[in-house]
Amino acid sequence: MQVKNGIQDKAAKNGPLTRRQLQRNSLIAKARYVVERTFGGQARWFNAKTLRYRGLALAHACAYIIGYGV
């Protein structure tokens, strides 16, 4: 599996983004929104700012609780 670059482009001073860069940022933002929303919810509701590092099973459990409101 090949890892793709998922970092959004940033405009430099006096150098706006090109149309292609804006389109690429939009595509990245659609996938990134879902992930950021999940980790943001974990940080707010469970004060779990380092949950990602405690183990995959616990992260999945908390994501399930957040997603389904159990």
PDB file of N, CA and C in Angstrom:
ATOM      1  N   MET A   1       0.845  -1.178   0.000  1.00  0.00           N
ATOM      2  CA  MET A   1       0.000   0.000   0.000  1.00  0.00           C
ATOM      3  C   MET A   1       0.892   1.244   0.000  1.00  0.00           C
ATOM      4  N   GLN A   2       0.592   2.153  -0.857  1.00  0.00           N
ATOM      5  CA  GLN A   2       1.375   3.379  -0.963  1.00  0.00           C
ATOM      6  C   GLN A   2       0.687   4.496  -0.178  1.00  0.00           C
ATOM      7  N   VAL A   3       1.459   5.226   0.600  1.00  0.00           N
ATOM      8  CA  VAL A   3       0.923   6.331   1.397  1.00  0.00           C
ATOM      9  C   VAL A   3       0.906   7.587   0.528  1.00  0.00           C
ATOM     10  N   LYS A   4      -0.235   8.284   0.554  1.00  0.00           N
ATOM     11  CA  LYS A   4      -0.372   9.512  -0.223  1.00  0.00           C
ATOM     12  C   LYS A   4      -0.231  10.725   0.690  1.00  0.00           C
ATOM     13  N   ASN A   5       0.232  11.800   0.127  1.00  0.00           N
ATOM     14  CA  ASN A   5       0.366  13.047   0.856  1.00  0.00           C
ATOM     15  C   ASN A   5      -1.024  13.639   1.087  1.00  0.00           C
ATOM     16  N   GLY A   6      -1.407  13.807   2.355  1.00  0.00           N
ATOM     17  CA  GLY A   6      -2.716  14.350   2.689  1.00  0.00           C
ATOM     18  C   GLY A   6      -2.646  15.703   3.355  1.00  0.00           C
ATOM     19  N   ILE A   7      -1.522  16.375   3.218  1.00  0.00           N
ATOM     20  CA  ILE A   7      -1.353  17.690   3.832  1.00  0.00           C
ATOM     21  C   ILE A   7      -1.831  18.758   2.855  1.00  0.00           C
ATOM     22  N   GLN A   8      -2.673  19.650   3.345  1.00  0.00           N
ATOM     23  CA  GLN A   8      -3.197  20.698   2.486  1.00  0.00           C
ATOM     24  C   GLN A   8      -2.122  21.734   2.177  1.00  0.00           C
ATOM     25  N   ASP A   9      -2.255  22.348   1.002  1.00  0.00           N
ATOM     26  CA  ASP A   9      -1.337  23.406   0.592  1.00  0.00           C
ATOM     27  C   ASP A   9      -1.716  24.708   1.292  1.00  0.00           C
ATOM     28  N   LYS A  10      -0.719  25.525   1.552  1.00  0.00           N
ATOM     29  CA  LYS A  10      -0.938  26.809   2.209  1.00  0.00           C
ATOM     30  C   LYS A  10      -0.367  27.914   1.332  1.00  0.00           C
ATOM     31  N   ALA A  11      -1.109  28.983   1.219  1.00  0.00           N
ATOM     32  CA  ALA A  11      -0.658  30.110   0.405  1.00  0.00           C
ATOM     33  C   ALA A  11       0.472  30.847   1.106  1.00  0.00           C
ATOM     34  N   ALA A  12       1.413  31.324   0.320  1.00  0.00           N
ATOM     35  CA  ALA A  12       2.514  32.128   0.851  1.00  0.00           C
ATOM     36  C   ALA A  12       2.141  33.607   0.754  1.00  0.00           C
ATOM     37  N   LYS A  13       2.888  34.439   1.446  1.00  0.00           N
ATOM     38  CA  LYS A  13       2.633  35.870   1.397  1.00  0.00           C
ATOM     39  C   LYS A  13       2.795  36.352  -0.047  1.00  0.00           C
ATOM     40  N   ASN A  14       1.814  37.071  -0.538  1.00  0.00           N
ATOM     41  CA  ASN A  14       1.776  37.589  -1.909  1.00  0.00           C
ATOM     42  C   ASN A  14       1.849  36.478  -2.952  1.00  0.00           C
ATOM     43  N   GLY A  15       1.398  35.296  -2.610  1.00  0.00           N
ATOM     44  CA  GLY A  15       1.393  34.183  -3.548  1.00  0.00           C
ATOM     45  C   GLY A  15       0.174  33.302  -3.314  1.00  0.00           C
ATOM     46  N   PRO A  16      -0.978  33.656  -3.878  1.00  0.00           N
ATOM     47  CA  PRO A  16      -2.199  32.879  -3.639  1.00  0.00           C
ATOM     48  C   PRO A  16      -2.095  31.469  -4.233  1.00  0.00           C
ATOM     49  N   LEU A  17      -2.965  30.596  -3.760  1.00  0.00           N
ATOM     50  CA  LEU A  17      -2.999  29.233  -4.266  1.00  0.00           C
ATOM     51  C   LEU A  17      -3.546  29.201  -5.689  1.00  0.00           C
ATOM     52  N   THR A  18      -3.069  28.230  -6.445  1.00  0.00           N
ATOM     53  CA  THR A  18      -3.587  28.052  -7.804  1.00  0.00           C
ATOM     54  C   THR A  18      -4.944  27.353  -7.730  1.00  0.00           C
ATOM     55  N   ARG A  19      -5.648  27.322  -8.834  1.00  0.00           N
ATOM     56  CA  ARG A  19      -6.948  26.670  -8.878  1.00  0.00           C
ATOM     57  C   ARG A  19      -6.814  25.180  -8.556  1.00  0.00           C
ATOM     58  N   ARG A  20      -5.763  24.555  -9.068  1.00  0.00           N
ATOM     59  CA  ARG A  20      -5.536  23.133  -8.815  1.00  0.00           C
ATOM     60  C   ARG A  20      -5.283  22.877  -7.332  1.00  0.00           C
ATOM     61  N   GLN A  21      -4.519  23.742  -6.676  1.00  0.00           N
ATOM     62  CA  GLN A  21      -4.262  23.592  -5.246  1.00  0.00           C
ATOM     63  C   GLN A  21      -5.536  23.758  -4.428  1.00  0.00           C
ATOM     64  N   LEU A  22      -6.390  24.683  -4.827  1.00  0.00           N
ATOM     65  CA  LEU A  22      -7.665  24.874  -4.129  1.00  0.00           C
ATOM     66  C   LEU A  22      -8.551  23.641  -4.270  1.00  0.00           C
ATOM     67  N   GLN A  23      -8.591  23.059  -5.457  1.00  0.00           N
ATOM     68  CA  GLN A  23      -9.388  21.851  -5.680  1.00  0.00           C
ATOM     69  C   GLN A  23      -8.838  20.690  -4.858  1.00  0.00           C
ATOM     70  N   ARG A  24      -7.525  20.554  -4.828  1.00  0.00           N
ATOM     71  CA  ARG A  24      -6.893  19.487  -4.054  1.00  0.00           C
ATOM     72  C   ARG A  24      -7.194  19.655  -2.569  1.00  0.00           C
ATOM     73  N   ASN A  25      -7.113  20.887  -2.063  1.00  0.00           N
ATOM     74  CA  ASN A  25      -7.432  21.145  -0.662  1.00  0.00           C
ATOM     75  C   ASN A  25      -8.878  20.778  -0.342  1.00  0.00           C
ATOM     76  N   SER A  26      -9.788  21.029  -1.267  1.00  0.00           N
ATOM     77  CA  SER A  26     -11.193  20.687  -1.055  1.00  0.00           C
ATOM     78  C   SER A  26     -11.376  19.184  -0.933  1.00  0.00           C
ATOM     79  N   LEU A  27     -10.683  18.435  -1.767  1.00  0.00           N
ATOM     80  CA  LEU A  27     -10.794  16.974  -1.708  1.00  0.00           C
ATOM     81  C   LEU A  27     -10.210  16.431  -0.400  1.00  0.00           C
ATOM     82  N   ILE A  28      -9.103  16.981   0.026  1.00  0.00           N
ATOM     83  CA  ILE A  28      -8.486  16.542   1.281  1.00  0.00           C
ATOM     84  C   ILE A  28      -9.395  16.894   2.459  1.00  0.00           C
ATOM     85  N   ALA A  29     -10.010  18.058   2.417  1.00  0.00           N
ATOM     86  CA  ALA A  29     -10.841  18.521   3.529  1.00  0.00           C
ATOM     87  C   ALA A  29     -12.043  17.619   3.752  1.00  0.00           C
ATOM     88  N   LYS A  30     -12.585  17.013   2.712  1.00  0.00           N
ATOM     89  CA  LYS A  30     -13.751  16.142   2.859  1.00  0.00           C
ATOM     90  C   LYS A  30     -13.430  14.922   3.708  1.00  0.00           C
ATOM     91  N   ALA A  31     -12.274  14.329   3.496  1.00  0.00           N
ATOM     92  CA  ALA A  31     -11.874  13.162   4.290  1.00  0.00           C
ATOM     93  C   ALA A  31     -11.379  13.586   5.666  1.00  0.00           C
ATOM     94  N   ARG A  32     -10.679  14.681   5.726  1.00  0.00           N
ATOM     95  CA  ARG A  32     -10.090  15.139   6.983  1.00  0.00           C
ATOM     96  C   ARG A  32     -11.162  15.571   7.982  1.00  0.00           C
ATOM     97  N   TYR A  33     -12.261  16.115   7.488  1.00  0.00           N
ATOM     98  CA  TYR A  33     -13.343  16.580   8.343  1.00  0.00           C
ATOM     99  C   TYR A  33     -13.866  15.456   9.232  1.00  0.00           C
ATOM    100  N   VAL A  34     -14.037  14.275   8.673  1.00  0.00           N
ATOM    101  CA  VAL A  34     -14.577  13.143   9.422  1.00  0.00           C
ATOM    102  C   VAL A  34     -13.637  12.756  10.556  1.00  0.00           C
ATOM    103  N   VAL A  35     -12.351  12.688  10.263  1.00  0.00           N
ATOM    104  CA  VAL A  35     -11.363  12.298  11.269  1.00  0.00           C
ATOM    105  C   VAL A  35     -11.243  13.365  12.348  1.00  0.00           C
ATOM    106  N   GLU A  36     -11.142  14.623  11.957  1.00  0.00           N
ATOM    107  CA  GLU A  36     -10.985  15.704  12.923  1.00  0.00           C
ATOM    108  C   GLU A  36     -12.214  15.830  13.823  1.00  0.00           C
ATOM    109  N   ARG A  37     -13.391  15.584  13.280  1.00  0.00           N
ATOM    110  CA  ARG A  37     -14.617  15.648  14.067  1.00  0.00           C
ATOM    111  C   ARG A  37     -14.607  14.562  15.148  1.00  0.00           C
ATOM    112  N   THR A  38     -14.154  13.371  14.792  1.00  0.00           N
ATOM    113  CA  THR A  38     -14.102  12.275  15.754  1.00  0.00           C
ATOM    114  C   THR A  38     -13.137  12.567  16.890  1.00  0.00           C
ATOM    115  N   PHE A  39     -11.907  12.975  16.553  1.00  0.00           N
ATOM    116  CA  PHE A  39     -10.930  13.250  17.596  1.00  0.00           C
ATOM    117  C   PHE A  39     -11.299  14.493  18.400  1.00  0.00           C
ATOM    118  N   GLY A  40     -11.925  15.461  17.773  1.00  0.00           N
ATOM    119  CA  GLY A  40     -12.382  16.638  18.501  1.00  0.00           C
ATOM    120  C   GLY A  40     -13.457  16.292  19.516  1.00  0.00           C
ATOM    121  N   GLY A  41     -14.368  15.404  19.130  1.00  0.00           N
ATOM    122  CA  GLY A  41     -15.408  14.950  20.050  1.00  0.00           C
ATOM    123  C   GLY A  41     -14.825  14.186  21.219  1.00  0.00           C
ATOM    124  N   GLN A  42     -13.838  13.345  20.949  1.00  0.00           N
ATOM    125  CA  GLN A  42     -13.192  12.597  22.027  1.00  0.00           C
ATOM    126  C   GLN A  42     -12.500  13.550  22.990  1.00  0.00           C
ATOM    127  N   ALA A  43     -11.859  14.570  22.460  1.00  0.00           N
ATOM    128  CA  ALA A  43     -11.160  15.526  23.318  1.00  0.00           C
ATOM    129  C   ALA A  43     -12.146  16.320  24.179  1.00  0.00           C
ATOM    130  N   ARG A  44     -13.285  16.710  23.586  1.00  0.00           N
ATOM    131  CA  ARG A  44     -14.280  17.495  24.328  1.00  0.00           C
ATOM    132  C   ARG A  44     -15.007  16.657  25.375  1.00  0.00           C
ATOM    133  N   TRP A  45     -15.528  15.508  24.964  1.00  0.00           N
ATOM    134  CA  TRP A  45     -16.427  14.756  25.837  1.00  0.00           C
ATOM    135  C   TRP A  45     -15.700  13.857  26.828  1.00  0.00           C
ATOM    136  N   PHE A  46     -14.545  13.351  26.461  1.00  0.00           N
ATOM    137  CA  PHE A  46     -13.856  12.399  27.327  1.00  0.00           C
ATOM    138  C   PHE A  46     -12.515  12.924  27.819  1.00  0.00           C
ATOM    139  N   ASN A  47     -12.175  14.141  27.483  1.00  0.00           N
ATOM    140  CA  ASN A  47     -10.874  14.718  27.820  1.00  0.00           C
ATOM    141  C   ASN A  47      -9.763  13.756  27.401  1.00  0.00           C
ATOM    142  N   ALA A  48      -9.927  13.179  26.219  1.00  0.00           N
ATOM    143  CA  ALA A  48      -9.028  12.134  25.721  1.00  0.00           C
ATOM    144  C   ALA A  48      -8.139  12.701  24.626  1.00  0.00           C
ATOM    145  N   LYS A  49      -7.284  13.620  24.980  1.00  0.00           N
ATOM    146  CA  LYS A  49      -6.440  14.254  23.980  1.00  0.00           C
ATOM    147  C   LYS A  49      -5.356  13.328  23.451  1.00  0.00           C
ATOM    148  N   THR A  50      -5.032  12.269  24.190  1.00  0.00           N
ATOM    149  CA  THR A  50      -3.998  11.328  23.749  1.00  0.00           C
ATOM    150  C   THR A  50      -4.573   9.943  23.517  1.00  0.00           C
ATOM    151  N   LEU A  51      -5.848   9.848  23.239  1.00  0.00           N
ATOM    152  CA  LEU A  51      -6.497   8.554  23.049  1.00  0.00           C
ATOM    153  C   LEU A  51      -5.890   7.776  21.900  1.00  0.00           C
ATOM    154  N   ARG A  52      -5.417   8.453  20.883  1.00  0.00           N
ATOM    155  CA  ARG A  52      -4.853   7.779  19.718  1.00  0.00           C
ATOM    156  C   ARG A  52      -3.673   6.889  20.091  1.00  0.00           C
ATOM    157  N   TYR A  53      -3.013   7.198  21.169  1.00  0.00           N
ATOM    158  CA  TYR A  53      -1.795   6.493  21.530  1.00  0.00           C
ATOM    159  C   TYR A  53      -2.018   5.402  22.570  1.00  0.00           C
ATOM    160  N   ARG A  54      -3.229   5.221  23.008  1.00  0.00           N
ATOM    161  CA  ARG A  54      -3.494   4.223  24.045  1.00  0.00           C
ATOM    162  C   ARG A  54      -3.859   2.862  23.472  1.00  0.00           C
ATOM    163  N   GLY A  55      -4.132   2.763  22.211  1.00  0.00           N
ATOM    164  CA  GLY A  55      -4.440   1.469  21.618  1.00  0.00           C
ATOM    165  C   GLY A  55      -5.605   1.568  20.666  1.00  0.00           C
ATOM    166  N   LEU A  56      -5.556   0.743  19.660  1.00  0.00           N
ATOM    167  CA  LEU A  56      -6.560   0.775  18.607  1.00  0.00           C
ATOM    168  C   LEU A  56      -7.931   0.328  19.117  1.00  0.00           C
ATOM    169  N   ALA A  57      -7.970  -0.685  19.975  1.00  0.00           N
ATOM    170  CA  ALA A  57      -9.253  -1.191  20.468  1.00  0.00           C
ATOM    171  C   ALA A  57     -10.000  -0.115  21.257  1.00  0.00           C
ATOM    172  N   LEU A  58      -9.298   0.616  22.112  1.00  0.00           N
ATOM    173  CA  LEU A  58      -9.926   1.666  22.899  1.00  0.00           C
ATOM    174  C   LEU A  58     -10.391   2.818  22.007  1.00  0.00           C
ATOM    175  N   ALA A  59      -9.609   3.141  21.006  1.00  0.00           N
ATOM    176  CA  ALA A  59      -9.996   4.211  20.086  1.00  0.00           C
ATOM    177  C   ALA A  59     -11.266   3.830  19.332  1.00  0.00           C
ATOM    178  N   HIS A  60     -11.363   2.579  18.898  1.00  0.00           N
ATOM    179  CA  HIS A  60     -12.567   2.122  18.203  1.00  0.00           C
ATOM    180  C   HIS A  60     -13.774   2.128  19.131  1.00  0.00           C
ATOM    181  N   ALA A  61     -13.577   1.734  20.379  1.00  0.00           N
ATOM    182  CA  ALA A  61     -14.675   1.722  21.331  1.00  0.00           C
ATOM    183  C   ALA A  61     -15.219   3.122  21.569  1.00  0.00           C
ATOM    184  N   CYS A  62     -14.326   4.083  21.771  1.00  0.00           N
ATOM    185  CA  CYS A  62     -14.759   5.466  22.005  1.00  0.00           C
ATOM    186  C   CYS A  62     -15.409   6.056  20.754  1.00  0.00           C
ATOM    187  N   ALA A  63     -14.872   5.726  19.586  1.00  0.00           N
ATOM    188  CA  ALA A  63     -15.471   6.213  18.341  1.00  0.00           C
ATOM    189  C   ALA A  63     -16.874   5.644  18.179  1.00  0.00           C
ATOM    190  N   TYR A  64     -17.080   4.412  18.572  1.00  0.00           N
ATOM    191  CA  TYR A  64     -18.404   3.788  18.511  1.00  0.00           C
ATOM    192  C   TYR A  64     -19.376   4.513  19.451  1.00  0.00           C
ATOM    193  N   ILE A  65     -18.904   4.794  20.649  1.00  0.00           N
ATOM    194  CA  ILE A  65     -19.754   5.473  21.637  1.00  0.00           C
ATOM    195  C   ILE A  65     -20.129   6.864  21.138  1.00  0.00           C
ATOM    196  N   ILE A  66     -19.170   7.585  20.594  1.00  0.00           N
ATOM    197  CA  ILE A  66     -19.433   8.930  20.081  1.00  0.00           C
ATOM    198  C   ILE A  66     -20.377   8.869  18.890  1.00  0.00           C
ATOM    199  N   GLY A  67     -20.115   7.945  17.987  1.00  0.00           N
ATOM    200  CA  GLY A  67     -20.898   7.869  16.750  1.00  0.00           C
ATOM    201  C   GLY A  67     -22.327   7.446  16.956  1.00  0.00           C
ATOM    202  N   TYR A  68     -22.571   6.534  17.905  1.00  0.00           N
ATOM    203  CA  TYR A  68     -23.900   5.991  18.085  1.00  0.00           C
ATOM    204  C   TYR A  68     -24.592   6.483  19.343  1.00  0.00           C
ATOM    205  N   GLY A  69     -23.920   7.292  20.136  1.00  0.00           N
ATOM    206  CA  GLY A  69     -24.543   7.875  21.311  1.00  0.00           C
ATOM    207  C   GLY A  69     -24.953   6.846  22.347  1.00  0.00           C
ATOM    208  N   VAL A  70     -24.181   5.794  22.486  1.00  0.00           N
ATOM    209  CA  VAL A  70     -24.509   4.723  23.435  1.00  0.00           C
ATOM    210  C   VAL A  70     -24.180   5.152  24.837  1.00  0.00           C
TER     211      VAL A  70
END
